[in-house]
Amino acid sequence: MRVTIQSLHFDADSSLKSFIQEKLEKLTTFYANLQGIQVTLKLEKNQDKGNKQVTAKVLIPNHTLVANCQNSSFESCVDNVAEDLARQLKRHNKKEQDKQRARVAS
């Protein structure tokens, strides 16, 4: 599985990239057939406390799952996005299992 990180309006340092890579690679425990993850980091021009935005797309067969977060730090956004994607992957996995059970039962 490949994690692609794109940063807009700034250059992300290697520690942030490795943090993102480490957090999002854990998603393979919830769904084994991940094709890739695309992460976009965006720094808004305003100097508000919530000017950092993270968007992550998880590519799985026939679907794309998306999670967004805007907060004061990229690390907290990545944590929130990872939790949201894990929840979506669990839900998707359960739906697939239910469909397979329905096919077997009929």
C-alpha atoms as a PDB file:
ATOM      1  CA  MET A   1       0.000   0.000   0.000  1.00  0.00           C
ATOM      2  CA  ARG A   2       1.263   3.425  -0.901  1.00  0.00           C
ATOM      3  CA  VAL A   3       0.699   6.646   1.029  1.00  0.00           C
ATOM      4  CA  THR A   4       0.971   9.765  -1.138  1.00  0.00           C
ATOM      5  CA  ILE A   5       1.382  13.053   0.725  1.00  0.00           C
ATOM      6  CA  GLN A   6       0.833  16.417  -0.945  1.00  0.00           C
ATOM      7  CA  SER A   7       1.288  19.718   0.867  1.00  0.00           C
ATOM      8  CA  LEU A   8      -0.266  22.953  -0.404  1.00  0.00           C
ATOM      9  CA  HIS A   9       1.086  26.420   0.403  1.00  0.00           C
ATOM     10  CA  PHE A  10       4.030  25.070   2.446  1.00  0.00           C
ATOM     11  CA  ASP A  11       6.706  22.363   2.534  1.00  0.00           C
ATOM     12  CA  ALA A  12       6.026  19.548   4.996  1.00  0.00           C
ATOM     13  CA  ASP A  13       9.038  18.386   6.981  1.00  0.00           C
ATOM     14  CA  SER A  14      10.116  14.764   7.104  1.00  0.00           C
ATOM     15  CA  SER A  15       8.953  14.227  10.699  1.00  0.00           C
ATOM     16  CA  LEU A  16       5.381  15.206   9.770  1.00  0.00           C
ATOM     17  CA  LYS A  17       5.466  12.955   6.714  1.00  0.00           C
ATOM     18  CA  SER A  18       6.762  10.001   8.712  1.00  0.00           C
ATOM     19  CA  PHE A  19       4.079  10.622  11.381  1.00  0.00           C
ATOM     20  CA  ILE A  20       1.371  10.563   8.699  1.00  0.00           C
ATOM     21  CA  GLN A  21       2.842   7.457   7.082  1.00  0.00           C
ATOM     22  CA  GLU A  22       3.000   5.646  10.428  1.00  0.00           C
ATOM     23  CA  LYS A  23      -0.555   6.571  11.459  1.00  0.00           C
ATOM     24  CA  LEU A  24      -2.225   5.723   8.168  1.00  0.00           C
ATOM     25  CA  GLU A  25      -0.399   2.449   7.551  1.00  0.00           C
ATOM     26  CA  LYS A  26      -2.230   1.110  10.605  1.00  0.00           C
ATOM     27  CA  LEU A  27      -5.445   1.199   8.541  1.00  0.00           C
ATOM     28  CA  THR A  28      -4.407  -2.060   6.873  1.00  0.00           C
ATOM     29  CA  THR A  29      -5.429  -3.847  10.068  1.00  0.00           C
ATOM     30  CA  PHE A  30      -9.060  -2.902   9.363  1.00  0.00           C
ATOM     31  CA  TYR A  31      -9.109  -3.697   5.640  1.00  0.00           C
ATOM     32  CA  ALA A  32      -6.440  -5.827   3.990  1.00  0.00           C
ATOM     33  CA  ASN A  33      -7.038  -4.845   0.368  1.00  0.00           C
ATOM     34  CA  LEU A  34      -6.168  -1.124   0.499  1.00  0.00           C
ATOM     35  CA  GLN A  35      -4.902   0.097  -2.856  1.00  0.00           C
ATOM     36  CA  GLY A  36      -3.514   3.411  -1.637  1.00  0.00           C
ATOM     37  CA  ILE A  37      -3.984   6.500   0.472  1.00  0.00           C
ATOM     38  CA  GLN A  38      -3.791  10.087  -0.773  1.00  0.00           C
ATOM     39  CA  VAL A  39      -3.245  12.781   1.855  1.00  0.00           C
ATOM     40  CA  THR A  40      -3.503  16.512   1.187  1.00  0.00           C
ATOM     41  CA  LEU A  41      -2.167  18.973   3.760  1.00  0.00           C
ATOM     42  CA  LYS A  42      -3.309  22.541   3.334  1.00  0.00           C
ATOM     43  CA  LEU A  43      -2.262  25.647   5.219  1.00  0.00           C
ATOM     44  CA  GLU A  44      -4.875  28.400   5.040  1.00  0.00           C
ATOM     45  CA  LYS A  45      -3.625  31.957   4.693  1.00  0.00           C
ATOM     46  CA  ASN A  46      -5.581  33.307   7.641  1.00  0.00           C
ATOM     47  CA  GLN A  47      -3.845  33.116  10.993  1.00  0.00           C
ATOM     48  CA  ASP A  48      -6.791  31.664  12.895  1.00  0.00           C
ATOM     49  CA  LYS A  49      -6.230  28.837  15.319  1.00  0.00           C
ATOM     50  CA  GLY A  50      -7.786  26.307  12.918  1.00  0.00           C
ATOM     51  CA  ASN A  51      -5.842  27.157   9.788  1.00  0.00           C
ATOM     52  CA  LYS A  52      -4.451  23.656   9.116  1.00  0.00           C
ATOM     53  CA  GLN A  53      -6.516  21.265   7.022  1.00  0.00           C
ATOM     54  CA  VAL A  54      -6.005  17.559   6.266  1.00  0.00           C
ATOM     55  CA  THR A  55      -7.929  15.559   3.666  1.00  0.00           C
ATOM     56  CA  ALA A  56      -7.309  11.839   3.204  1.00  0.00           C
ATOM     57  CA  LYS A  57      -8.697   9.511   0.539  1.00  0.00           C
ATOM     58  CA  VAL A  58      -8.468   5.756   0.953  1.00  0.00           C
ATOM     59  CA  LEU A  59      -8.676   3.815  -2.293  1.00  0.00           C
ATOM     60  CA  ILE A  60     -10.264   0.379  -2.033  1.00  0.00           C
ATOM     61  CA  PRO A  61     -11.735  -1.752  -4.835  1.00  0.00           C
ATOM     62  CA  ASN A  62     -14.819  -0.028  -6.306  1.00  0.00           C
ATOM     63  CA  HIS A  63     -14.888   2.662  -3.568  1.00  0.00           C
ATOM     64  CA  THR A  64     -13.092   5.742  -2.287  1.00  0.00           C
ATOM     65  CA  LEU A  65     -13.417   6.740   1.352  1.00  0.00           C
ATOM     66  CA  VAL A  66     -12.765  10.375   2.296  1.00  0.00           C
ATOM     67  CA  ALA A  67     -12.125  12.087   5.635  1.00  0.00           C
ATOM     68  CA  ASN A  68     -11.495  15.781   6.360  1.00  0.00           C
ATOM     69  CA  CYS A  69     -10.339  17.715   9.390  1.00  0.00           C
ATOM     70  CA  GLN A  70      -9.445  21.312  10.166  1.00  0.00           C
ATOM     71  CA  ASN A  71      -7.631  22.148  13.392  1.00  0.00           C
ATOM     72  CA  SER A  72      -4.744  24.079  14.896  1.00  0.00           C
ATOM     73  CA  SER A  73      -2.156  21.311  14.344  1.00  0.00           C
ATOM     74  CA  PHE A  74      -1.570  18.791  11.594  1.00  0.00           C
ATOM     75  CA  GLU A  75      -0.890  15.996  14.091  1.00  0.00           C
ATOM     76  CA  SER A  76      -4.305  16.270  15.737  1.00  0.00           C
ATOM     77  CA  CYS A  77      -5.946  16.441  12.313  1.00  0.00           C
ATOM     78  CA  VAL A  78      -4.147  13.291  11.203  1.00  0.00           C
ATOM     79  CA  ASP A  79      -5.292  11.517  14.375  1.00  0.00           C
ATOM     80  CA  ASN A  80      -8.903  12.537  13.733  1.00  0.00           C
ATOM     81  CA  VAL A  81      -8.732  11.565  10.065  1.00  0.00           C
ATOM     82  CA  ALA A  82      -7.203   8.172  10.899  1.00  0.00           C
ATOM     83  CA  GLU A  83      -9.966   7.459  13.437  1.00  0.00           C
ATOM     84  CA  ASP A  84     -12.647   8.487  10.950  1.00  0.00           C
ATOM     85  CA  LEU A  85     -11.184   6.337   8.177  1.00  0.00           C
ATOM     86  CA  ALA A  86     -10.867   3.349  10.524  1.00  0.00           C
ATOM     87  CA  ARG A  87     -14.556   3.715  11.385  1.00  0.00           C
ATOM     88  CA  GLN A  88     -15.480   3.919   7.684  1.00  0.00           C
ATOM     89  CA  LEU A  89     -13.342   0.885   6.832  1.00  0.00           C
ATOM     90  CA  LYS A  90     -14.931  -1.174   9.615  1.00  0.00           C
ATOM     91  CA  ARG A  91     -18.394  -0.209   8.369  1.00  0.00           C
ATOM     92  CA  HIS A  92     -17.483  -1.033   4.767  1.00  0.00           C
ATOM     93  CA  ASN A  93     -15.971  -4.369   5.784  1.00  0.00           C
ATOM     94  CA  LYS A  94     -19.109  -5.271   7.756  1.00  0.00           C
ATOM     95  CA  LYS A  95     -21.339  -4.439   4.789  1.00  0.00           C
ATOM     96  CA  GLU A  96     -19.260  -6.658   2.520  1.00  0.00           C
ATOM     97  CA  GLN A  97     -19.445  -9.531   5.002  1.00  0.00           C
ATOM     98  CA  ASP A  98     -23.220  -9.126   5.290  1.00  0.00           C
ATOM     99  CA  LYS A  99     -23.566  -9.246   1.483  1.00  0.00           C
ATOM    100  CA  GLN A 100     -21.474 -12.415   1.316  1.00  0.00           C
ATOM    101  CA  ARG A 101     -23.527 -14.052   4.063  1.00  0.00           C
ATOM    102  CA  ALA A 102     -26.744 -13.139   2.231  1.00  0.00           C
ATOM    103  CA  ARG A 103     -25.418 -14.728  -0.980  1.00  0.00           C
ATOM    104  CA  VAL A 104     -24.450 -17.915   0.849  1.00  0.00           C
ATOM    105  CA  ALA A 105     -27.788 -18.126   2.654  1.00  0.00           C
ATOM    106  CA  SER A 106     -29.837 -17.835  -0.537  1.00  0.00           C
END
